[in-house]
Amino acid sequence: MQTYSLQVIDGRARALEIRTELFVFGDVLDVFVTGCPDVLVVACAGRPRPAEWLRALRAAGYEIPGRRHARATLSYLL
């Protein structure tokens, strides 16, 4: 079993719905909430497939934050 953190806007409040959406993937075992309202943890059998999961969630109407750019991360650290 492996875990992977996913960012979904207001994911904690919609965790039950998101869990149902992700259970169509046979390798998804469960979806857990975290202390952050926009972060969920997906437990899966085998290798995580976040791109596929996020694509399915977007298609179902969930808001997924954009990717952070390395440059923004570096400037934040300075």
Protein backbone atom coordinates (compact mmCIF):
# COMPACT_ATOMS: atom_id res chain seq x y z
CA MET A 1 0.00 0.00 0.00
CA GLN A 2 1.14 3.53 -0.78
CA THR A 3 -0.27 6.95 -0.06
CA TYR A 4 -0.33 10.13 -2.09
CA SER A 5 -1.47 13.66 -1.17
CA LEU A 6 -3.89 15.37 -3.54
CA GLN A 7 -4.89 19.01 -3.50
CA VAL A 8 -8.57 19.63 -4.18
CA ILE A 9 -10.17 22.96 -3.31
CA ASP A 10 -12.41 22.37 -0.27
CA GLY A 11 -11.56 18.67 -0.44
CA ARG A 12 -12.00 18.00 3.26
CA ALA A 13 -15.63 19.16 3.17
CA ARG A 14 -16.32 17.02 0.08
CA ALA A 15 -14.25 13.98 1.05
CA LEU A 16 -17.12 11.47 0.91
CA GLU A 17 -18.08 12.57 -2.61
CA ILE A 18 -14.44 12.55 -3.75
CA ARG A 19 -13.93 9.09 -2.24
CA THR A 20 -16.87 7.84 -4.33
CA GLU A 21 -15.39 9.40 -7.49
CA LEU A 22 -11.99 7.81 -6.89
CA PHE A 23 -13.32 4.36 -6.04
CA VAL A 24 -13.91 3.81 -9.78
CA PHE A 25 -10.16 3.21 -9.85
CA GLY A 26 -9.63 -0.35 -8.65
CA ASP A 27 -6.31 0.52 -7.02
CA VAL A 28 -7.76 3.24 -4.73
CA LEU A 29 -8.29 1.75 -1.29
CA ASP A 30 -9.43 4.82 0.65
CA VAL A 31 -9.34 8.61 0.82
CA PHE A 32 -8.49 10.37 4.08
CA VAL A 33 -8.89 13.97 5.20
CA THR A 34 -6.00 15.94 6.67
CA GLY A 35 -5.72 19.04 8.84
CA CYS A 36 -5.59 21.17 5.70
CA PRO A 37 -8.97 21.88 4.07
CA ASP A 38 -7.59 21.43 0.54
CA VAL A 39 -5.45 18.30 1.02
CA LEU A 40 -6.61 14.69 0.93
CA VAL A 41 -4.52 11.54 1.17
CA VAL A 42 -5.27 8.68 -1.20
CA ALA A 43 -4.29 5.17 -0.13
CA CYS A 44 -3.73 2.90 -3.10
CA ALA A 45 -2.52 -0.55 -3.99
CA GLY A 46 0.50 -0.30 -6.22
CA ARG A 47 1.88 2.85 -7.75
CA PRO A 48 -0.05 6.13 -7.28
CA ARG A 49 -1.68 7.58 -10.42
CA PRO A 50 -2.34 11.20 -9.41
CA ALA A 51 -2.65 12.54 -12.96
CA GLU A 52 -5.49 10.12 -13.72
CA TRP A 53 -7.20 10.78 -10.39
CA LEU A 54 -7.01 14.54 -10.81
CA ARG A 55 -8.25 14.32 -14.40
CA ALA A 56 -11.31 12.34 -13.19
CA LEU A 57 -11.97 14.83 -10.39
CA ARG A 58 -11.72 17.80 -12.79
CA ALA A 59 -14.15 16.09 -15.16
CA ALA A 60 -16.56 15.62 -12.23
CA GLY A 61 -16.41 19.36 -11.51
CA TYR A 62 -13.95 19.57 -8.64
CA GLU A 63 -11.57 22.52 -8.56
CA ILE A 64 -7.92 21.50 -8.64
CA PRO A 65 -5.31 24.19 -7.87
CA GLY A 66 -2.76 24.94 -10.57
CA ARG A 67 0.77 23.68 -10.37
CA ARG A 68 3.38 25.73 -8.60
CA HIS A 69 6.37 26.72 -10.64
CA ALA A 70 9.86 25.92 -9.39
CA ARG A 71 10.81 29.58 -9.71
CA ALA A 72 8.06 30.63 -7.29
CA THR A 73 9.20 28.00 -4.81
CA LEU A 74 12.81 29.12 -5.03
CA SER A 75 11.97 32.79 -4.54
CA TYR A 76 9.84 31.84 -1.53
CA LEU A 77 12.81 30.09 0.06
CA LEU A 78 15.13 33.07 -0.39
